[in-house]
Each structure stands twice: as structure tokens, then as C-alpha cells.
């Protein structure tokens, strides 16, 4: 029995999902006035996301600490939600159901209102 076909199909699905989320992040960056190409560069894309929400770049280091990374992830989701004019409920959606709410943020009608953490 050949199992190679299933592995190839799984790889194609995985690459499609990755490409979709790069596109989503690209659109979010463009909405916030940042260069979309930053979405394809590892680590730099997180720095740009932190700039969008108004948090310092060194929060990346905090993201490496177990349990603290959950708090940081939620705070970034909350700030991202508020930066686009959404509320706590949307932030919870970004945190727990990101595969649904990030595309809504990218392709929805929300406008970037500036970094939420700065206000």
C-alpha cells in the first residue's frame, strides 16, 4: 500500500493554509499602513504586528516564556482588535478562533485607528 499520495495531499493543504494566512497578514499590514511584504519575513512580521498595536519589539522575548506567552498573545489580540475599532468579544475571537477572525479583520470593513496600546 502506497502512503505517499496522502502525504503529498497533506503537504498541499498545509501550503495552501500557510499561503492564505500570509495573504491575510499582508492585508492587515496594508490596512495599518505598513508594507504587506513584511508578512512573509519571519520574526520581522511579529515586530511589525507589535508596531501596529503599539507594543515594544522586545515583547517577542516575552513570547518565548511559557504561560507569559499566553498573556502576551491575548494582549496583542486585544490591542489589534481595538486598533481596528473592535471590542473585547472580537479580541477573544482573534485569540481563540484566529483562523476565522483574522480573515474577518483583513477583509472586513474595519479601519485602522492607530495603535491601541499607545492610547
N, C-alpha and C. Protein backbone atom coordinates (compact mmCIF):
# COMPACT_ATOMS: atom_id res chain seq x y z
N UNK A 1 0.84 -1.18 0.00
CA UNK A 1 0.00 0.00 0.00
C UNK A 1 0.89 1.24 0.00
N UNK A 2 0.60 2.15 -0.90
CA UNK A 2 1.39 3.37 -1.04
C UNK A 2 0.78 4.49 -0.21
N UNK A 3 1.55 5.02 0.72
CA UNK A 3 1.06 6.11 1.58
C UNK A 3 1.56 7.47 1.10
N UNK A 4 2.31 7.51 0.03
CA UNK A 4 2.86 8.75 -0.46
C UNK A 4 1.82 9.75 -0.94
N UNK A 5 0.72 9.28 -1.51
CA UNK A 5 -0.30 10.19 -2.02
C UNK A 5 -0.93 11.01 -0.91
N UNK A 6 -1.21 10.39 0.21
CA UNK A 6 -1.81 11.11 1.34
C UNK A 6 -0.87 12.16 1.90
N UNK A 7 0.41 11.84 1.97
CA UNK A 7 1.39 12.80 2.47
C UNK A 7 1.50 14.00 1.54
N UNK A 8 1.49 13.73 0.25
CA UNK A 8 1.57 14.82 -0.72
C UNK A 8 0.33 15.71 -0.63
N UNK A 9 -0.84 15.10 -0.52
CA UNK A 9 -2.08 15.86 -0.40
C UNK A 9 -2.07 16.70 0.88
N UNK A 10 -1.59 16.12 1.97
CA UNK A 10 -1.48 16.86 3.23
C UNK A 10 -0.54 18.04 3.11
N UNK A 11 0.57 17.85 2.39
CA UNK A 11 1.52 18.93 2.17
C UNK A 11 0.89 20.06 1.36
N UNK A 12 0.13 19.71 0.34
CA UNK A 12 -0.54 20.72 -0.49
C UNK A 12 -1.53 21.52 0.34
N UNK A 13 -2.31 20.83 1.17
CA UNK A 13 -3.28 21.52 2.04
C UNK A 13 -2.55 22.46 3.00
N UNK A 14 -1.48 21.96 3.61
CA UNK A 14 -0.72 22.77 4.56
C UNK A 14 -0.13 24.02 3.89
N UNK A 15 0.42 23.86 2.71
CA UNK A 15 0.99 25.01 1.99
C UNK A 15 -0.10 26.01 1.60
N UNK A 16 -1.29 25.51 1.25
CA UNK A 16 -2.41 26.40 0.91
C UNK A 16 -2.85 27.21 2.13
N UNK A 17 -2.90 26.56 3.29
CA UNK A 17 -3.29 27.26 4.52
C UNK A 17 -2.25 28.32 4.88
N UNK A 18 -0.97 27.97 4.77
CA UNK A 18 0.10 28.93 5.05
C UNK A 18 0.02 30.12 4.10
N UNK A 19 -0.17 29.85 2.81
CA UNK A 19 -0.28 30.92 1.82
C UNK A 19 -1.47 31.82 2.12
N UNK A 20 -2.59 31.22 2.52
CA UNK A 20 -3.78 32.01 2.85
C UNK A 20 -3.51 32.94 4.03
N UNK A 21 -2.86 32.43 5.06
CA UNK A 21 -2.62 33.27 6.23
C UNK A 21 -1.53 34.31 6.01
N UNK A 22 -0.61 34.06 5.10
CA UNK A 22 0.33 35.11 4.70
C UNK A 22 -0.44 36.23 4.00
N UNK A 23 -1.38 35.85 3.14
CA UNK A 23 -2.22 36.83 2.44
C UNK A 23 -3.04 37.65 3.43
N UNK A 24 -3.62 36.96 4.43
CA UNK A 24 -4.42 37.64 5.46
C UNK A 24 -3.55 38.64 6.22
N UNK A 25 -2.38 38.22 6.67
CA UNK A 25 -1.49 39.11 7.41
C UNK A 25 -1.03 40.27 6.52
N UNK A 26 -0.78 39.98 5.25
CA UNK A 26 -0.40 41.00 4.28
C UNK A 26 -1.47 42.09 4.22
N UNK A 27 -2.73 41.69 4.13
CA UNK A 27 -3.84 42.65 4.05
C UNK A 27 -3.99 43.46 5.35
N UNK A 28 -3.81 42.81 6.49
CA UNK A 28 -3.88 43.52 7.77
C UNK A 28 -2.77 44.57 7.84
N UNK A 29 -1.57 44.20 7.42
CA UNK A 29 -0.45 45.14 7.43
C UNK A 29 -0.75 46.33 6.52
N UNK A 30 -1.27 46.06 5.32
CA UNK A 30 -1.58 47.15 4.39
C UNK A 30 -2.67 48.07 4.95
N UNK A 31 -3.67 47.49 5.61
CA UNK A 31 -4.72 48.32 6.23
C UNK A 31 -4.14 49.25 7.28
N UNK A 32 -3.10 48.80 7.95
CA UNK A 32 -2.47 49.59 9.01
C UNK A 32 -1.38 50.51 8.48
N UNK A 33 -1.21 50.56 7.17
CA UNK A 33 -0.22 51.45 6.58
C UNK A 33 1.20 50.92 6.62
N UNK A 34 1.35 49.64 6.84
CA UNK A 34 2.68 49.00 6.85
C UNK A 34 2.86 48.25 5.53
N UNK A 35 4.10 47.94 5.16
CA UNK A 35 4.31 47.20 3.91
C UNK A 35 3.81 45.76 4.03
N UNK A 36 3.02 45.34 3.05
CA UNK A 36 2.46 43.99 3.07
C UNK A 36 3.52 42.91 3.01
N UNK A 37 4.62 43.17 2.29
CA UNK A 37 5.67 42.16 2.15
C UNK A 37 6.27 41.75 3.48
N UNK A 38 6.09 42.56 4.52
CA UNK A 38 6.63 42.23 5.84
C UNK A 38 6.00 40.95 6.39
N UNK A 39 4.84 40.58 5.87
CA UNK A 39 4.15 39.38 6.34
C UNK A 39 4.90 38.10 6.01
N UNK A 40 5.79 38.14 5.03
CA UNK A 40 6.48 36.91 4.62
C UNK A 40 7.84 36.73 5.28
N UNK A 41 8.26 37.69 6.09
CA UNK A 41 9.58 37.61 6.73
C UNK A 41 9.41 37.21 8.19
N UNK A 42 9.88 36.01 8.55
CA UNK A 42 9.75 35.55 9.94
C UNK A 42 10.41 36.52 10.92
N UNK A 43 9.86 36.63 12.07
CA UNK A 43 10.27 37.49 13.18
C UNK A 43 9.97 38.96 12.86
N UNK A 44 10.36 39.43 11.68
CA UNK A 44 10.05 40.82 11.32
C UNK A 44 8.54 41.03 11.26
N UNK A 45 7.79 40.00 10.82
CA UNK A 45 6.33 40.17 10.77
C UNK A 45 5.74 40.35 12.17
N UNK A 46 6.34 39.74 13.16
CA UNK A 46 5.87 39.92 14.54
C UNK A 46 6.23 41.32 15.02
N UNK A 47 7.42 41.80 14.65
CA UNK A 47 7.82 43.16 15.02
C UNK A 47 6.85 44.18 14.42
N UNK A 48 6.48 43.98 13.16
CA UNK A 48 5.53 44.89 12.51
C UNK A 48 4.17 44.81 13.19
N UNK A 49 3.73 43.60 13.53
CA UNK A 49 2.45 43.45 14.23
C UNK A 49 2.48 44.19 15.57
N UNK A 50 3.59 44.08 16.28
CA UNK A 50 3.73 44.79 17.56
C UNK A 50 3.73 46.31 17.34
N UNK A 51 4.33 46.78 16.25
CA UNK A 51 4.28 48.21 15.92
C UNK A 51 2.85 48.66 15.66
N UNK A 52 2.09 47.83 14.96
CA UNK A 52 0.70 48.17 14.63
C UNK A 52 -0.13 48.36 15.89
N UNK A 53 0.10 47.51 16.88
CA UNK A 53 -0.70 47.60 18.11
C UNK A 53 -0.09 48.53 19.14
N UNK A 54 1.13 49.00 18.90
CA UNK A 54 1.77 49.96 19.80
C UNK A 54 2.53 49.34 20.95
N UNK A 55 2.98 48.14 20.78
CA UNK A 55 3.78 47.47 21.82
C UNK A 55 5.25 47.45 21.42
N UNK A 56 6.16 47.39 22.40
CA UNK A 56 7.60 47.38 22.08
C UNK A 56 8.04 46.06 21.45
N UNK A 57 9.10 46.12 20.65
CA UNK A 57 9.59 44.94 19.93
C UNK A 57 10.05 43.84 20.87
N UNK A 58 10.52 44.20 22.07
CA UNK A 58 11.07 43.19 22.97
C UNK A 58 9.99 42.28 23.56
N UNK A 59 8.73 42.55 23.27
CA UNK A 59 7.67 41.61 23.68
C UNK A 59 7.85 40.26 23.00
N UNK A 60 8.61 40.22 21.92
CA UNK A 60 8.91 38.94 21.27
C UNK A 60 9.60 38.02 22.26
N UNK A 61 10.51 38.56 23.05
CA UNK A 61 11.24 37.77 24.04
C UNK A 61 10.28 37.24 25.10
N UNK A 62 9.34 38.07 25.53
CA UNK A 62 8.34 37.61 26.50
C UNK A 62 7.50 36.48 25.91
N UNK A 63 7.31 36.51 24.61
CA UNK A 63 6.55 35.46 23.93
C UNK A 63 7.23 34.11 23.96
N UNK A 64 8.48 34.06 24.35
CA UNK A 64 9.21 32.79 24.44
C UNK A 64 9.07 32.13 25.81
N UNK A 65 8.50 32.83 26.76
CA UNK A 65 8.37 32.32 28.13
C UNK A 65 7.02 31.62 28.27
N UNK A 66 7.03 30.34 28.68
CA UNK A 66 5.77 29.61 28.84
C UNK A 66 4.82 30.34 29.80
N UNK A 67 3.57 30.28 29.52
CA UNK A 67 2.45 30.91 30.24
C UNK A 67 2.42 32.41 29.99
N UNK A 68 3.57 33.08 30.08
CA UNK A 68 3.62 34.51 29.78
C UNK A 68 3.22 34.73 28.32
N UNK A 69 3.61 33.78 27.45
CA UNK A 69 3.27 33.92 26.03
C UNK A 69 1.76 33.92 25.80
N UNK A 70 1.01 33.24 26.64
CA UNK A 70 -0.45 33.27 26.51
C UNK A 70 -1.00 34.65 26.84
N UNK A 71 -0.46 35.25 27.89
CA UNK A 71 -0.88 36.59 28.28
C UNK A 71 -0.51 37.59 27.19
N UNK A 72 0.72 37.49 26.69
CA UNK A 72 1.18 38.38 25.62
C UNK A 72 0.32 38.20 24.38
N UNK A 73 0.04 36.95 24.03
CA UNK A 73 -0.81 36.68 22.86
C UNK A 73 -2.18 37.30 22.99
N UNK A 74 -2.77 37.19 24.18
CA UNK A 74 -4.09 37.79 24.38
C UNK A 74 -4.03 39.31 24.34
N UNK A 75 -3.01 39.90 24.96
CA UNK A 75 -2.90 41.37 24.95
C UNK A 75 -2.69 41.91 23.54
N UNK A 76 -1.91 41.19 22.74
CA UNK A 76 -1.71 41.61 21.35
C UNK A 76 -3.03 41.49 20.58
N UNK A 77 -3.77 40.40 20.81
CA UNK A 77 -5.08 40.24 20.15
C UNK A 77 -6.03 41.35 20.58
N UNK A 78 -6.03 41.69 21.86
CA UNK A 78 -6.89 42.77 22.36
C UNK A 78 -6.50 44.11 21.74
N UNK A 79 -5.21 44.39 21.71
CA UNK A 79 -4.74 45.64 21.11
C UNK A 79 -5.02 45.69 19.61
N UNK A 80 -4.85 44.56 18.92
CA UNK A 80 -5.13 44.52 17.49
C UNK A 80 -6.62 44.76 17.24
N UNK A 81 -7.45 44.15 18.04
CA UNK A 81 -8.89 44.35 17.93
C UNK A 81 -9.25 45.82 18.12
N UNK A 82 -8.73 46.42 19.15
CA UNK A 82 -9.03 47.84 19.44
C UNK A 82 -8.41 48.78 18.41
N UNK A 83 -7.27 48.39 17.85
CA UNK A 83 -6.63 49.21 16.82
C UNK A 83 -7.49 49.31 15.56
N UNK A 84 -8.36 48.34 15.36
CA UNK A 84 -9.25 48.34 14.20
C UNK A 84 -10.69 48.65 14.58
N UNK A 85 -10.90 49.17 15.79
CA UNK A 85 -12.22 49.61 16.20
C UNK A 85 -13.16 48.53 16.69
N UNK A 86 -12.61 47.38 17.07
CA UNK A 86 -13.44 46.29 17.59
C UNK A 86 -13.34 46.24 19.11
N UNK A 87 -14.09 45.32 19.70
CA UNK A 87 -14.19 45.26 21.16
C UNK A 87 -13.54 43.99 21.72
N UNK A 88 -13.78 43.76 23.00
CA UNK A 88 -13.23 42.61 23.70
C UNK A 88 -13.71 41.29 23.10
N UNK A 89 -14.97 41.23 22.70
CA UNK A 89 -15.51 40.00 22.12
C UNK A 89 -14.74 39.63 20.85
N UNK A 90 -14.42 40.61 20.02
CA UNK A 90 -13.65 40.35 18.81
C UNK A 90 -12.24 39.91 19.16
N UNK A 91 -11.67 40.50 20.20
CA UNK A 91 -10.33 40.10 20.66
C UNK A 91 -10.33 38.65 21.11
N UNK A 92 -11.37 38.24 21.81
CA UNK A 92 -11.48 36.83 22.21
C UNK A 92 -11.56 35.93 20.98
N UNK A 93 -12.27 36.39 19.96
CA UNK A 93 -12.33 35.64 18.71
C UNK A 93 -10.96 35.54 18.05
N UNK A 94 -10.21 36.64 18.03
CA UNK A 94 -8.85 36.61 17.47
C UNK A 94 -7.97 35.63 18.23
N UNK A 95 -8.12 35.60 19.54
CA UNK A 95 -7.26 34.75 20.37
C UNK A 95 -7.63 33.27 20.25
N UNK A 96 -8.93 32.96 20.35
CA UNK A 96 -9.35 31.56 20.37
C UNK A 96 -9.71 31.00 18.99
N UNK A 97 -10.19 31.82 18.09
CA UNK A 97 -10.62 31.38 16.76
C UNK A 97 -9.96 32.24 15.69
N UNK A 98 -8.66 32.36 15.78
CA UNK A 98 -7.91 33.22 14.87
C UNK A 98 -8.10 32.87 13.41
N UNK A 99 -8.28 31.59 13.10
CA UNK A 99 -8.44 31.17 11.71
C UNK A 99 -9.72 31.71 11.09
N UNK A 100 -10.65 32.18 11.92
CA UNK A 100 -11.88 32.81 11.44
C UNK A 100 -11.79 34.33 11.55
N UNK A 101 -11.30 34.83 12.67
CA UNK A 101 -11.35 36.26 12.95
C UNK A 101 -10.24 37.06 12.27
N UNK A 102 -9.07 36.49 12.05
CA UNK A 102 -8.04 37.24 11.32
C UNK A 102 -8.47 37.53 9.89
N UNK A 103 -9.05 36.56 9.15
CA UNK A 103 -9.57 36.92 7.82
C UNK A 103 -10.69 37.96 7.87
N UNK A 104 -11.54 37.91 8.90
CA UNK A 104 -12.58 38.94 9.04
C UNK A 104 -11.93 40.31 9.23
N UNK A 105 -10.89 40.36 10.03
CA UNK A 105 -10.17 41.62 10.25
C UNK A 105 -9.52 42.10 8.95
N UNK A 106 -8.94 41.17 8.20
CA UNK A 106 -8.23 41.54 6.97
C UNK A 106 -9.17 42.01 5.87
N UNK A 107 -10.27 41.31 5.68
CA UNK A 107 -11.14 41.57 4.54
C UNK A 107 -12.43 42.29 4.90
N UNK A 108 -12.65 42.52 6.19
CA UNK A 108 -13.86 43.22 6.63
C UNK A 108 -13.73 44.72 6.47
N UNK A 109 -14.74 45.42 6.92
CA UNK A 109 -14.78 46.87 6.73
C UNK A 109 -14.08 47.68 7.81
N UNK A 110 -13.50 47.02 8.80
CA UNK A 110 -12.83 47.75 9.88
C UNK A 110 -11.67 48.59 9.36
N UNK A 111 -11.50 49.77 9.94
CA UNK A 111 -10.40 50.66 9.55
C UNK A 111 -9.41 50.78 10.70
N UNK A 112 -8.17 50.90 10.33
CA UNK A 112 -7.12 51.07 11.32
C UNK A 112 -7.26 52.45 11.96
N UNK A 113 -7.26 52.48 13.29
CA UNK A 113 -7.45 53.73 14.02
C UNK A 113 -6.21 54.16 14.80
N UNK A 114 -5.12 53.49 14.54
CA UNK A 114 -3.88 53.80 15.26
C UNK A 114 -3.63 52.76 16.33
N UNK A 115 -2.41 52.74 16.87
CA UNK A 115 -2.05 51.74 17.87
C UNK A 115 -2.87 51.89 19.15
N UNK A 116 -3.55 50.83 19.53
CA UNK A 116 -4.42 50.87 20.71
C UNK A 116 -3.62 50.98 22.00
N UNK A 117 -2.45 50.36 22.05
CA UNK A 117 -1.66 50.37 23.28
C UNK A 117 -1.09 51.76 23.57
N UNK A 118 -0.96 52.58 22.55
CA UNK A 118 -0.40 53.92 22.73
C UNK A 118 -1.40 54.88 23.37
N UNK A 119 -2.68 54.55 23.31
CA UNK A 119 -3.69 55.47 23.86
C UNK A 119 -4.10 55.11 25.26
